[in-house]
Amino acid sequence: MTNILLIEDDMVLRENTAEILELSEYKVLTAANGKIGVSMAKEHIPDIIICDIMMPELDGYETLKTLSQYQTTKHIPFIFLSAKTERGDVRKGMNLGADDYITKPFTEDELISAIESRLAKVAILKEAENDIEETASQLIKTLNDLKIYIDDNGTSFTAKKDSTIYKEAEHSNYIYLINKGIVKCHQIDDQGKELVTGLYKEDDLFGYTSFTSSMPHKETATAIENTSLSGISTNQFNQILNDNPKVAIELIQLLSNDLLYVKDQLLEMAYSSVNKKTADTILKFAEKINRKPEDPINISRSDLASVAGIATETLIRTLASFKKQGIIGSDGRTIKVLDLEKLKHIQ
């Protein structure tokens, strides 16, 4: 049954209009003003909203603008219902994104016709969108195809330097592709020490927690520099994997590589010398951040230390030693590899 939210401050008109709609076999929710209407729309997600303009608390224009800010309500068909008949008022409502405009007094046929036409348009657009998504899904044959699809069709996000993209224990809603920038994933242990679990650069995917069930994130993701992202919902991502086994296999290989990286990192933390840990960490960041290892690396000492698994003070002393030996140069947060071969062979 179609759910309609009717927002109208005139009690008599609200009740009469609701009765008309219920007799036409619609399920009707009613609100006495825009403020209540916004709350009900967010809670119940109706199929269509009919809203008066002149109301206390929040008028119809502000109600539409508010609902347009939320992902769950921004695409709900919205019909203005008002005694205002001047062309400017109609234009203002439509410019704000309203789908239709009915003036009072109205007939039952006018009301039902406006609702049915809006619902029919939504159904047609949804069918077309599903057809496009199904076709696109069938064309995704490789991991690179998947990245292109996310870049072309995903939701765009931006994250400023040092800002959080998602936190540990938050619900996993998106799989992300980095268009530009660097992202680190990390966990905090019981002593409050940060362990970097992954570094991701341009063209890398991250954010996946499970391919079979909805699970919260096991780590926090933070932008190391200003970053732009594209993301698709986890449900859509899982559907693509179900439809394209080859992509799933490539992704499993990607996960295997991630596990090998973590295993190597743990072995280095356990058995390598401080000098080797520091050298290897500089090389890892150079590989992730730069096109060439010898290009300057702009990274905090705490991030380097957390990846290396050593105290920040120890890392700073080691960097000073490397600098004296002419292996690296440093200026503030910036580190430049001066002798790549020597850095690679530090034990």
C-alpha atoms as a PDB file:
ATOM      1  CA  MET A   1       0.000   0.000   0.000  1.00  0.00           C
ATOM      2  CA  THR A   2       1.270   3.486  -0.910  1.00  0.00           C
ATOM      3  CA  ASN A   3       2.171   5.646   2.100  1.00  0.00           C
ATOM      4  CA  ILE A   4       1.368   9.364   1.904  1.00  0.00           C
ATOM      5  CA  LEU A   5       2.489  12.011   4.378  1.00  0.00           C
ATOM      6  CA  LEU A   6       0.053  14.945   4.510  1.00  0.00           C
ATOM      7  CA  ILE A   7       1.431  18.107   6.165  1.00  0.00           C
ATOM      8  CA  GLU A   8      -1.341  20.665   6.726  1.00  0.00           C
ATOM      9  CA  ASP A   9      -1.978  23.021   9.653  1.00  0.00           C
ATOM     10  CA  ASP A  10      -5.726  23.441   8.985  1.00  0.00           C
ATOM     11  CA  MET A  11      -7.236  20.596  11.008  1.00  0.00           C
ATOM     12  CA  VAL A  12     -10.508  20.422   9.038  1.00  0.00           C
ATOM     13  CA  LEU A  13      -8.769  20.403   5.652  1.00  0.00           C
ATOM     14  CA  ARG A  14      -6.184  17.929   6.944  1.00  0.00           C
ATOM     15  CA  GLU A  15      -8.842  15.477   8.143  1.00  0.00           C
ATOM     16  CA  ASN A  16     -10.998  15.856   4.999  1.00  0.00           C
ATOM     17  CA  THR A  17      -8.035  15.386   2.665  1.00  0.00           C
ATOM     18  CA  ALA A  18      -6.820  12.382   4.649  1.00  0.00           C
ATOM     19  CA  GLU A  19     -10.284  10.815   4.375  1.00  0.00           C
ATOM     20  CA  ILE A  20     -10.325  11.325   0.598  1.00  0.00           C
ATOM     21  CA  LEU A  21      -6.941   9.622   0.291  1.00  0.00           C
ATOM     22  CA  GLU A  22      -7.857   6.742   2.577  1.00  0.00           C
ATOM     23  CA  LEU A  23     -11.035   6.102   0.561  1.00  0.00           C
ATOM     24  CA  SER A  24      -8.748   5.856  -2.478  1.00  0.00           C
ATOM     25  CA  GLU A  25      -6.853   3.068  -0.648  1.00  0.00           C
ATOM     26  CA  TYR A  26      -3.799   5.060   0.375  1.00  0.00           C
ATOM     27  CA  LYS A  27      -2.257   4.800   3.824  1.00  0.00           C
ATOM     28  CA  VAL A  28      -2.095   8.336   5.225  1.00  0.00           C
ATOM     29  CA  LEU A  29       0.153   9.865   7.885  1.00  0.00           C
ATOM     30  CA  THR A  30      -0.685  13.412   8.974  1.00  0.00           C
ATOM     31  CA  ALA A  31       1.335  16.248  10.515  1.00  0.00           C
ATOM     32  CA  ALA A  32       0.068  19.600  11.798  1.00  0.00           C
ATOM     33  CA  ASN A  33       3.146  21.614  10.752  1.00  0.00           C
ATOM     34  CA  GLY A  34       6.424  21.372   8.887  1.00  0.00           C
ATOM     35  CA  LYS A  35       8.550  20.628  11.938  1.00  0.00           C
ATOM     36  CA  ILE A  36       6.441  17.587  12.812  1.00  0.00           C
ATOM     37  CA  GLY A  37       6.301  16.653   9.136  1.00  0.00           C
ATOM     38  CA  VAL A  38      10.095  16.571   8.777  1.00  0.00           C
ATOM     39  CA  SER A  39      10.384  14.300  11.810  1.00  0.00           C
ATOM     40  CA  MET A  40       7.697  11.937  10.500  1.00  0.00           C
ATOM     41  CA  ALA A  41       9.205  11.860   7.005  1.00  0.00           C
ATOM     42  CA  LYS A  42      12.607  10.854   8.394  1.00  0.00           C
ATOM     43  CA  GLU A  43      11.044   8.175  10.570  1.00  0.00           C
ATOM     44  CA  HIS A  44       8.525   6.630   8.155  1.00  0.00           C
ATOM     45  CA  ILE A  45      10.021   7.420   4.689  1.00  0.00           C
ATOM     46  CA  PRO A  46       6.678   7.862   2.873  1.00  0.00           C
ATOM     47  CA  ASP A  47       6.229   7.221  -0.843  1.00  0.00           C
ATOM     48  CA  ILE A  48       5.022  10.778  -1.441  1.00  0.00           C
ATOM     49  CA  ILE A  49       4.568  14.006   0.561  1.00  0.00           C
ATOM     50  CA  ILE A  50       1.739  16.531   0.201  1.00  0.00           C
ATOM     51  CA  CYS A  51       2.507  19.762   2.022  1.00  0.00           C
ATOM     52  CA  ASP A  52       0.847  23.120   2.667  1.00  0.00           C
ATOM     53  CA  ILE A  53       2.979  26.264   2.304  1.00  0.00           C
ATOM     54  CA  MET A  54       1.756  28.724   4.949  1.00  0.00           C
ATOM     55  CA  MET A  55       2.249  26.937   8.296  1.00  0.00           C
ATOM     56  CA  PRO A  56       3.601  27.733  11.764  1.00  0.00           C
ATOM     57  CA  GLU A  57       6.921  26.380  13.061  1.00  0.00           C
ATOM     58  CA  LEU A  58       8.247  25.553   9.582  1.00  0.00           C
ATOM     59  CA  ASP A  59       6.585  26.619   6.334  1.00  0.00           C
ATOM     60  CA  GLY A  60       6.323  24.424   3.242  1.00  0.00           C
ATOM     61  CA  TYR A  61       9.345  25.933   1.514  1.00  0.00           C
ATOM     62  CA  GLU A  62      11.593  25.341   4.539  1.00  0.00           C
ATOM     63  CA  THR A  63      10.140  21.860   4.984  1.00  0.00           C
ATOM     64  CA  LEU A  64      11.153  20.915   1.441  1.00  0.00           C
ATOM     65  CA  LYS A  65      14.610  22.463   1.837  1.00  0.00           C
ATOM     66  CA  THR A  66      15.160  20.565   5.092  1.00  0.00           C
ATOM     67  CA  LEU A  67      14.080  17.212   3.655  1.00  0.00           C
ATOM     68  CA  SER A  68      16.342  17.786   0.650  1.00  0.00           C
ATOM     69  CA  GLN A  69      19.355  17.698   2.960  1.00  0.00           C
ATOM     70  CA  TYR A  70      18.822  14.076   4.030  1.00  0.00           C
ATOM     71  CA  GLN A  71      19.799  11.131   1.831  1.00  0.00           C
ATOM     72  CA  THR A  72      16.740   9.108   2.876  1.00  0.00           C
ATOM     73  CA  THR A  73      14.182  11.846   2.114  1.00  0.00           C
ATOM     74  CA  LYS A  74      15.706  13.971  -0.649  1.00  0.00           C
ATOM     75  CA  HIS A  75      14.183  11.882  -3.471  1.00  0.00           C
ATOM     76  CA  ILE A  76      10.642  11.537  -2.066  1.00  0.00           C
ATOM     77  CA  PRO A  77       8.106  13.111  -4.502  1.00  0.00           C
ATOM     78  CA  PHE A  78       6.857  16.386  -2.998  1.00  0.00           C
ATOM     79  CA  ILE A  79       3.583  18.150  -3.891  1.00  0.00           C
ATOM     80  CA  PHE A  80       2.762  21.631  -2.609  1.00  0.00           C
ATOM     81  CA  LEU A  81      -0.834  22.260  -1.543  1.00  0.00           C
ATOM     82  CA  SER A  82      -1.717  25.920  -1.080  1.00  0.00           C
ATOM     83  CA  ALA A  83      -4.161  28.730  -1.703  1.00  0.00           C
ATOM     84  CA  LYS A  84      -1.345  30.755  -3.234  1.00  0.00           C
ATOM     85  CA  THR A  85      -1.941  31.094  -6.946  1.00  0.00           C
ATOM     86  CA  GLU A  86       0.511  33.774  -8.045  1.00  0.00           C
ATOM     87  CA  ARG A  87       2.989  32.606 -10.633  1.00  0.00           C
ATOM     88  CA  GLY A  88       5.961  33.673  -8.489  1.00  0.00           C
ATOM     89  CA  ASP A  89       4.867  31.382  -5.675  1.00  0.00           C
ATOM     90  CA  VAL A  90       4.502  28.458  -8.076  1.00  0.00           C
ATOM     91  CA  ARG A  91       7.941  29.161  -9.554  1.00  0.00           C
ATOM     92  CA  LYS A  92       9.560  29.370  -6.114  1.00  0.00           C
ATOM     93  CA  GLY A  93       8.118  26.019  -5.090  1.00  0.00           C
ATOM     94  CA  MET A  94       9.214  24.297  -8.293  1.00  0.00           C
ATOM     95  CA  ASN A  95      12.686  25.848  -8.150  1.00  0.00           C
ATOM     96  CA  LEU A  96      13.124  24.351  -4.704  1.00  0.00           C
ATOM     97  CA  GLY A  97      12.534  20.907  -6.190  1.00  0.00           C
ATOM     98  CA  ALA A  98       8.791  20.338  -5.766  1.00  0.00           C
ATOM     99  CA  ASP A  99       7.289  17.817  -8.197  1.00  0.00           C
ATOM    100  CA  ASP A 100       3.846  19.424  -8.472  1.00  0.00           C
ATOM    101  CA  TYR A 101       1.663  22.250  -7.159  1.00  0.00           C
ATOM    102  CA  ILE A 102      -2.059  22.018  -6.378  1.00  0.00           C
ATOM    103  CA  THR A 103      -4.049  25.130  -5.526  1.00  0.00           C
ATOM    104  CA  LYS A 104      -6.969  25.301  -3.094  1.00  0.00           C
ATOM    105  CA  PRO A 105      -9.792  24.657  -3.535  1.00  0.00           C
ATOM    106  CA  PHE A 106      -9.108  21.417  -5.406  1.00  0.00           C
ATOM    107  CA  THR A 107     -11.244  18.517  -6.508  1.00  0.00           C
ATOM    108  CA  GLU A 108     -10.752  14.913  -5.522  1.00  0.00           C
ATOM    109  CA  ASP A 109      -9.835  14.044  -9.108  1.00  0.00           C
ATOM    110  CA  GLU A 110      -7.164  16.758  -9.228  1.00  0.00           C
ATOM    111  CA  LEU A 111      -5.571  15.500  -6.027  1.00  0.00           C
ATOM    112  CA  ILE A 112      -5.602  11.803  -6.971  1.00  0.00           C
ATOM    113  CA  SER A 113      -4.405  12.540 -10.511  1.00  0.00           C
ATOM    114  CA  ALA A 114      -1.417  14.551  -9.213  1.00  0.00           C
ATOM    115  CA  ILE A 115      -0.463  11.754  -6.821  1.00  0.00           C
ATOM    116  CA  GLU A 116      -0.784   8.983  -9.403  1.00  0.00           C
ATOM    117  CA  SER A 117       1.237  10.855 -12.018  1.00  0.00           C
ATOM    118  CA  ARG A 118       4.058  11.515  -9.539  1.00  0.00           C
ATOM    119  CA  LEU A 119       4.125   7.880  -8.395  1.00  0.00           C
ATOM    120  CA  ALA A 120       4.082   6.657 -11.989  1.00  0.00           C
ATOM    121  CA  LYS A 121       7.042   8.891 -12.849  1.00  0.00           C
ATOM    122  CA  VAL A 122       9.002   7.562  -9.868  1.00  0.00           C
ATOM    123  CA  ALA A 123       8.231   3.960 -10.872  1.00  0.00           C
ATOM    124  CA  ILE A 124       9.370   4.560 -14.468  1.00  0.00           C
ATOM    125  CA  LEU A 125      12.600   6.244 -13.374  1.00  0.00           C
ATOM    126  CA  LYS A 126      13.319   3.469 -10.892  1.00  0.00           C
ATOM    127  CA  GLU A 127      12.824   0.798 -13.539  1.00  0.00           C
ATOM    128  CA  ALA A 128      15.164   2.652 -15.881  1.00  0.00           C
ATOM    129  CA  GLU A 129      17.743   3.032 -13.102  1.00  0.00           C
ATOM    130  CA  ASN A 130      17.537  -0.678 -12.293  1.00  0.00           C
ATOM    131  CA  ASP A 131      17.991  -1.548 -15.967  1.00  0.00           C
ATOM    132  CA  ILE A 132      21.067   0.685 -16.159  1.00  0.00           C
ATOM    133  CA  GLU A 133      22.542  -0.794 -12.981  1.00  0.00           C
ATOM    134  CA  GLU A 134      21.876  -4.342 -14.191  1.00  0.00           C
ATOM    135  CA  THR A 135      23.530  -3.613 -17.535  1.00  0.00           C
ATOM    136  CA  ALA A 136      26.484  -1.915 -15.839  1.00  0.00           C
ATOM    137  CA  SER A 137      26.869  -4.829 -13.429  1.00  0.00           C
ATOM    138  CA  GLN A 138      27.007  -7.266 -16.336  1.00  0.00           C
ATOM    139  CA  LEU A 139      29.767  -5.193 -17.971  1.00  0.00           C
ATOM    140  CA  ILE A 140      32.008  -5.320 -14.891  1.00  0.00           C
ATOM    141  CA  LYS A 141      34.361  -8.193 -15.661  1.00  0.00           C
ATOM    142  CA  THR A 142      37.575  -7.161 -13.889  1.00  0.00           C
ATOM    143  CA  LEU A 143      38.663  -5.284 -10.782  1.00  0.00           C
ATOM    144  CA  ASN A 144      39.664  -2.373 -13.003  1.00  0.00           C
ATOM    145  CA  ASP A 145      36.136  -2.326 -14.490  1.00  0.00           C
ATOM    146  CA  LEU A 146      34.783  -2.158 -10.942  1.00  0.00           C
ATOM    147  CA  LYS A 147      36.983   0.833 -10.132  1.00  0.00           C
ATOM    148  CA  ILE A 148      35.831   2.613 -13.295  1.00  0.00           C
ATOM    149  CA  TYR A 149      32.207   1.905 -12.358  1.00  0.00           C
ATOM    150  CA  ILE A 150      32.683   3.292  -8.834  1.00  0.00           C
ATOM    151  CA  ASP A 151      34.447   6.368 -10.198  1.00  0.00           C
ATOM    152  CA  ASP A 152      31.673   7.022 -12.750  1.00  0.00           C
ATOM    153  CA  ASN A 153      28.606   6.115 -10.668  1.00  0.00           C
ATOM    154  CA  GLY A 154      29.611   6.301  -7.005  1.00  0.00           C
ATOM    155  CA  THR A 155      28.787   8.956  -4.432  1.00  0.00           C
ATOM    156  CA  SER A 156      31.523  11.601  -4.156  1.00  0.00           C
ATOM    157  CA  PHE A 157      33.187  12.355  -0.818  1.00  0.00           C
ATOM    158  CA  THR A 158      35.963  14.693   0.275  1.00  0.00           C
ATOM    159  CA  ALA A 159      38.106  14.391   3.396  1.00  0.00           C
ATOM    160  CA  LYS A 160      40.419  17.132   4.588  1.00  0.00           C
ATOM    161  CA  LYS A 161      43.882  16.293   5.882  1.00  0.00           C
ATOM    162  CA  ASP A 162      43.761  14.524   9.293  1.00  0.00           C
ATOM    163  CA  SER A 163      39.949  14.186   9.151  1.00  0.00           C
ATOM    164  CA  THR A 164      38.182  10.888   9.874  1.00  0.00           C
ATOM    165  CA  ILE A 165      36.418   9.065   7.030  1.00  0.00           C
ATOM    166  CA  TYR A 166      34.896   6.408   9.282  1.00  0.00           C
ATOM    167  CA  LYS A 167      35.503   5.182  12.825  1.00  0.00           C
ATOM    168  CA  GLU A 168      36.033   1.747  14.289  1.00  0.00           C
ATOM    169  CA  ALA A 169      32.701   0.105  15.285  1.00  0.00           C
ATOM    170  CA  GLU A 170      30.679   2.341  12.938  1.00  0.00           C
ATOM    171  CA  HIS A 171      28.358   0.584  10.501  1.00  0.00           C
ATOM    172  CA  SER A 172      29.940  -0.199   7.152  1.00  0.00           C
ATOM    173  CA  ASN A 173      27.882   1.645   4.520  1.00  0.00           C
ATOM    174  CA  TYR A 174      30.305   2.239   1.634  1.00  0.00           C
ATOM    175  CA  ILE A 175      33.207   0.717  -0.238  1.00  0.00           C
ATOM    176  CA  TYR A 176      35.594   3.538  -1.171  1.00  0.00           C
ATOM    177  CA  LEU A 177      37.854   4.233  -4.142  1.00  0.00           C
ATOM    178  CA  ILE A 178      40.534   6.894  -3.692  1.00  0.00           C
ATOM    179  CA  ASN A 179      40.522   9.358  -6.583  1.00  0.00           C
ATOM    180  CA  LYS A 180      43.215  11.563  -5.067  1.00  0.00           C
ATOM    181  CA  GLY A 181      45.056  11.524  -1.757  1.00  0.00           C
ATOM    182  CA  ILE A 182      46.308   9.084   0.888  1.00  0.00           C
ATOM    183  CA  VAL A 183      44.347   7.235   3.577  1.00  0.00           C
ATOM    184  CA  LYS A 184      45.585   5.284   6.572  1.00  0.00           C
ATOM    185  CA  CYS A 185      43.564   2.684   8.466  1.00  0.00           C
ATOM    186  CA  HIS A 186      44.501   2.159  12.075  1.00  0.00           C
ATOM    187  CA  GLN A 187      43.493   0.688  15.421  1.00  0.00           C
ATOM    188  CA  ILE A 188      44.158   1.803  18.993  1.00  0.00           C
ATOM    189  CA  ASP A 189      45.311  -0.836  21.483  1.00  0.00           C
ATOM    190  CA  ASP A 190      44.508  -1.022  25.203  1.00  0.00           C
ATOM    191  CA  GLN A 191      47.456   1.230  26.038  1.00  0.00           C
ATOM    192  CA  GLY A 192      46.244   3.896  23.616  1.00  0.00           C
ATOM    193  CA  LYS A 193      48.963   3.153  21.061  1.00  0.00           C
ATOM    194  CA  GLU A 194      48.057   3.484  17.407  1.00  0.00           C
ATOM    195  CA  LEU A 195      48.779   0.629  14.990  1.00  0.00           C
ATOM    196  CA  VAL A 196      48.496   1.455  11.289  1.00  0.00           C
ATOM    197  CA  THR A 197      46.840  -1.526   9.590  1.00  0.00           C
ATOM    198  CA  GLY A 198      46.827  -0.226   6.019  1.00  0.00           C
ATOM    199  CA  LEU A 199      47.979   2.576   3.737  1.00  0.00           C
ATOM    200  CA  TYR A 200      45.973   3.354   0.616  1.00  0.00           C
ATOM    201  CA  LYS A 201      46.777   5.666  -2.277  1.00  0.00           C
ATOM    202  CA  GLU A 202      45.113   6.841  -5.489  1.00  0.00           C
ATOM    203  CA  ASP A 203      43.203   4.032  -7.292  1.00  0.00           C
ATOM    204  CA  ASP A 204      43.096   1.831  -4.169  1.00  0.00           C
ATOM    205  CA  LEU A 205      39.900   0.327  -2.725  1.00  0.00           C
ATOM    206  CA  PHE A 206      39.270   0.217   1.009  1.00  0.00           C
ATOM    207  CA  GLY A 207      36.462  -0.008   3.555  1.00  0.00           C
ATOM    208  CA  TYR A 208      35.299  -3.577   2.887  1.00  0.00           C
ATOM    209  CA  THR A 209      34.678  -5.622   6.032  1.00  0.00           C
ATOM    210  CA  SER A 210      32.640  -8.611   4.837  1.00  0.00           C
ATOM    211  CA  PHE A 211      31.212  -9.902   1.550  1.00  0.00           C
ATOM    212  CA  THR A 212      28.450 -11.989   3.096  1.00  0.00           C
ATOM    213  CA  SER A 213      27.052  -9.954   5.998  1.00  0.00           C
ATOM    214  CA  SER A 214      26.787  -6.426   7.347  1.00  0.00           C
ATOM    215  CA  MET A 215      29.571  -5.853   9.866  1.00  0.00           C
ATOM    216  CA  PRO A 216      30.910  -2.756  11.643  1.00  0.00           C
ATOM    217  CA  HIS A 217      34.327  -1.428  10.735  1.00  0.00           C
ATOM    218  CA  LYS A 218      37.212  -3.013  12.632  1.00  0.00           C
ATOM    219  CA  GLU A 219      39.462   0.021  12.193  1.00  0.00           C
ATOM    220  CA  THR A 220      39.399   3.796  11.751  1.00  0.00           C
ATOM    221  CA  ALA A 221      40.190   5.457   8.405  1.00  0.00           C
ATOM    222  CA  THR A 222      41.876   8.881   8.368  1.00  0.00           C
ATOM    223  CA  ALA A 223      43.010  11.081   5.481  1.00  0.00           C
ATOM    224  CA  ILE A 224      46.761  11.712   5.596  1.00  0.00           C
ATOM    225  CA  GLU A 225      46.329  14.534   3.075  1.00  0.00           C
ATOM    226  CA  ASN A 226      43.363  16.216   1.390  1.00  0.00           C
ATOM    227  CA  THR A 227      41.556  13.324  -0.260  1.00  0.00           C
ATOM    228  CA  SER A 228      38.719  12.834  -2.738  1.00  0.00           C
ATOM    229  CA  LEU A 229      36.794   9.563  -2.810  1.00  0.00           C
ATOM    230  CA  SER A 230      34.030   7.760  -4.650  1.00  0.00           C
ATOM    231  CA  GLY A 231      31.908   5.163  -2.872  1.00  0.00           C
ATOM    232  CA  ILE A 232      29.186   2.630  -3.592  1.00  0.00           C
ATOM    233  CA  SER A 233      26.926   1.034  -1.022  1.00  0.00           C
ATOM    234  CA  THR A 234      28.019  -2.269   0.489  1.00  0.00           C
ATOM    235  CA  ASN A 235      24.798  -3.874  -0.797  1.00  0.00           C
ATOM    236  CA  GLN A 236      25.539  -2.798  -4.362  1.00  0.00           C
ATOM    237  CA  PHE A 237      29.163  -3.886  -3.998  1.00  0.00           C
ATOM    238  CA  ASN A 238      28.129  -7.344  -2.821  1.00  0.00           C
ATOM    239  CA  GLN A 239      25.626  -7.655  -5.675  1.00  0.00           C
ATOM    240  CA  ILE A 240      28.365  -6.883  -8.200  1.00  0.00           C
ATOM    241  CA  LEU A 241      30.560  -9.588  -6.676  1.00  0.00           C
ATOM    242  CA  ASN A 242      27.668 -12.086  -6.799  1.00  0.00           C
ATOM    243  CA  ASP A 243      27.101 -11.311 -10.489  1.00  0.00           C
ATOM    244  CA  ASN A 244      30.790 -11.376 -11.426  1.00  0.00           C
ATOM    245  CA  PRO A 245      32.827 -14.233  -9.886  1.00  0.00           C
ATOM    246  CA  LYS A 246      36.004 -13.139 -11.686  1.00  0.00           C
ATOM    247  CA  VAL A 247      35.923  -9.775  -9.916  1.00  0.00           C
ATOM    248  CA  ALA A 248      35.407 -11.581  -6.596  1.00  0.00           C
ATOM    249  CA  ILE A 249      38.480 -13.741  -7.275  1.00  0.00           C
ATOM    250  CA  GLU A 250      40.591 -10.665  -8.072  1.00  0.00           C
ATOM    251  CA  LEU A 251      39.392  -9.031  -4.873  1.00  0.00           C
ATOM    252  CA  ILE A 252      40.290 -12.133  -2.862  1.00  0.00           C
ATOM    253  CA  GLN A 253      43.800 -11.880  -4.310  1.00  0.00           C
ATOM    254  CA  LEU A 254      43.882  -8.237  -3.229  1.00  0.00           C
ATOM    255  CA  LEU A 255      42.880  -9.276   0.292  1.00  0.00           C
ATOM    256  CA  SER A 256      45.578 -11.960   0.290  1.00  0.00           C
ATOM    257  CA  ASN A 257      48.162  -9.313  -0.576  1.00  0.00           C
ATOM    258  CA  ASP A 258      46.855  -7.163   2.299  1.00  0.00           C
ATOM    259  CA  LEU A 259      47.230 -10.106   4.682  1.00  0.00           C
ATOM    260  CA  LEU A 260      50.797 -10.708   3.499  1.00  0.00           C
ATOM    261  CA  TYR A 261      51.536  -7.032   4.089  1.00  0.00           C
ATOM    262  CA  VAL A 262      50.204  -7.236   7.657  1.00  0.00           C
ATOM    263  CA  LYS A 263      52.134 -10.496   8.272  1.00  0.00           C
ATOM    264  CA  ASP A 264      55.377  -8.935   7.040  1.00  0.00           C
ATOM    265  CA  GLN A 265      54.698  -5.867   9.168  1.00  0.00           C
ATOM    266  CA  LEU A 266      54.211  -7.998  12.287  1.00  0.00           C
ATOM    267  CA  LEU A 267      57.388  -9.982  11.592  1.00  0.00           C
ATOM    268  CA  GLU A 268      59.372  -6.780  11.168  1.00  0.00           C
ATOM    269  CA  MET A 269      57.948  -5.358  14.387  1.00  0.00           C
ATOM    270  CA  ALA A 270      58.925  -8.528  16.225  1.00  0.00           C
ATOM    271  CA  TYR A 271      62.385  -9.290  14.841  1.00  0.00           C
ATOM    272  CA  SER A 272      63.887  -6.411  12.843  1.00  0.00           C
ATOM    273  CA  SER A 273      66.282  -3.853  14.247  1.00  0.00           C
ATOM    274  CA  VAL A 274      65.100  -0.294  14.880  1.00  0.00           C
ATOM    275  CA  ASN A 275      67.183   0.912  11.929  1.00  0.00           C
ATOM    276  CA  LYS A 276      65.652  -1.638   9.543  1.00  0.00           C
ATOM    277  CA  LYS A 277      62.111  -0.949  10.788  1.00  0.00           C
ATOM    278  CA  THR A 278      62.613   2.763  10.185  1.00  0.00           C
ATOM    279  CA  ALA A 279      64.193   2.270   6.752  1.00  0.00           C
ATOM    280  CA  ASP A 280      61.474  -0.136   5.601  1.00  0.00           C
ATOM    281  CA  THR A 281      58.751   2.199   6.830  1.00  0.00           C
ATOM    282  CA  ILE A 282      60.186   5.154   4.916  1.00  0.00           C
ATOM    283  CA  LEU A 283      60.287   2.986   1.784  1.00  0.00           C
ATOM    284  CA  LYS A 284      56.652   1.870   2.329  1.00  0.00           C
ATOM    285  CA  PHE A 285      55.442   5.435   2.616  1.00  0.00           C
ATOM    286  CA  ALA A 286      57.537   6.466  -0.391  1.00  0.00           C
ATOM    287  CA  GLU A 287      55.931   3.666  -2.424  1.00  0.00           C
ATOM    288  CA  LYS A 288      52.396   4.646  -1.346  1.00  0.00           C
ATOM    289  CA  ILE A 289      52.668   8.416  -1.503  1.00  0.00           C
ATOM    290  CA  ASN A 290      55.095   9.144  -4.324  1.00  0.00           C
ATOM    291  CA  ARG A 291      55.532   8.270  -7.959  1.00  0.00           C
ATOM    292  CA  LYS A 292      59.289   7.988  -7.289  1.00  0.00           C
ATOM    293  CA  PRO A 293      60.879   6.851  -3.994  1.00  0.00           C
ATOM    294  CA  GLU A 294      63.308   9.807  -4.052  1.00  0.00           C
ATOM    295  CA  ASP A 295      60.482  12.374  -4.121  1.00  0.00           C
ATOM    296  CA  PRO A 296      59.879  14.230  -0.804  1.00  0.00           C
ATOM    297  CA  ILE A 297      57.542  12.515   1.672  1.00  0.00           C
ATOM    298  CA  ASN A 298      55.341  14.784   3.774  1.00  0.00           C
ATOM    299  CA  ILE A 299      54.347  12.629   6.735  1.00  0.00           C
ATOM    300  CA  SER A 300      54.125  13.001  10.512  1.00  0.00           C
ATOM    301  CA  ARG A 301      56.701  11.311  12.716  1.00  0.00           C
ATOM    302  CA  SER A 302      53.900   9.682  14.719  1.00  0.00           C
ATOM    303  CA  ASP A 303      52.509   8.008  11.566  1.00  0.00           C
ATOM    304  CA  LEU A 304      55.963   6.708  10.662  1.00  0.00           C
ATOM    305  CA  ALA A 305      56.480   5.433  14.191  1.00  0.00           C
ATOM    306  CA  SER A 306      53.108   3.672  14.372  1.00  0.00           C
ATOM    307  CA  VAL A 307      53.742   1.800  11.116  1.00  0.00           C
ATOM    308  CA  ALA A 308      57.269   0.906  12.177  1.00  0.00           C
ATOM    309  CA  GLY A 309      56.040  -0.255  15.598  1.00  0.00           C
ATOM    310  CA  ILE A 310      58.508   1.857  17.575  1.00  0.00           C
ATOM    311  CA  ALA A 311      58.254   4.834  19.894  1.00  0.00           C
ATOM    312  CA  THR A 312      58.165   8.258  18.243  1.00  0.00           C
ATOM    313  CA  GLU A 313      61.235   9.374  20.225  1.00  0.00           C
ATOM    314  CA  THR A 314      63.179   6.318  19.002  1.00  0.00           C
ATOM    315  CA  LEU A 315      62.149   7.014  15.413  1.00  0.00           C
ATOM    316  CA  ILE A 316      63.279  10.643  15.662  1.00  0.00           C
ATOM    317  CA  ARG A 317      66.729   9.561  16.927  1.00  0.00           C
ATOM    318  CA  THR A 318      67.012   7.022  14.095  1.00  0.00           C
ATOM    319  CA  LEU A 319      66.032   9.617  11.479  1.00  0.00           C
ATOM    320  CA  ALA A 320      68.693  11.943  12.879  1.00  0.00           C
ATOM    321  CA  SER A 321      71.252   9.142  12.464  1.00  0.00           C
ATOM    322  CA  PHE A 322      70.145   8.527   8.851  1.00  0.00           C
ATOM    323  CA  LYS A 323      70.418  12.239   8.167  1.00  0.00           C
ATOM    324  CA  LYS A 324      74.004  12.390   9.482  1.00  0.00           C
ATOM    325  CA  GLN A 325      74.896   9.454   7.228  1.00  0.00           C
ATOM    326  CA  GLY A 326      73.480  11.274   4.201  1.00  0.00           C
ATOM    327  CA  ILE A 327      70.803   8.631   3.614  1.00  0.00           C
ATOM    328  CA  ILE A 328      67.896  11.056   4.016  1.00  0.00           C
ATOM    329  CA  GLY A 329      67.285  14.769   4.240  1.00  0.00           C
ATOM    330  CA  SER A 330      64.542  16.253   6.408  1.00  0.00           C
ATOM    331  CA  ASP A 331      62.867  19.594   6.903  1.00  0.00           C
ATOM    332  CA  GLY A 332      60.011  19.636   9.396  1.00  0.00           C
ATOM    333  CA  ARG A 333      57.529  16.925   8.354  1.00  0.00           C
ATOM    334  CA  THR A 334      59.215  16.437   4.976  1.00  0.00           C
ATOM    335  CA  ILE A 335      61.647  13.559   4.418  1.00  0.00           C
ATOM    336  CA  LYS A 336      63.636  13.100   1.201  1.00  0.00           C
ATOM    337  CA  VAL A 337      65.504   9.915   0.335  1.00  0.00           C
ATOM    338  CA  LEU A 338      69.033  10.873  -0.731  1.00  0.00           C
ATOM    339  CA  ASP A 339      70.599   7.403  -1.005  1.00  0.00           C
ATOM    340  CA  LEU A 340      67.912   4.888  -2.016  1.00  0.00           C
ATOM    341  CA  GLU A 341      70.221   1.866  -2.328  1.00  0.00           C
ATOM    342  CA  LYS A 342      71.792   2.418   1.074  1.00  0.00           C
ATOM    343  CA  LEU A 343      68.328   2.807   2.641  1.00  0.00           C
ATOM    344  CA  LYS A 344      67.182  -0.474   1.066  1.00  0.00           C
ATOM    345  CA  HIS A 345      70.134  -2.401   2.506  1.00  0.00           C
ATOM    346  CA  ILE A 346      70.021  -1.157   6.095  1.00  0.00           C
ATOM    347  CA  GLN A 347      69.925  -4.055   8.555  1.00  0.00           C
END
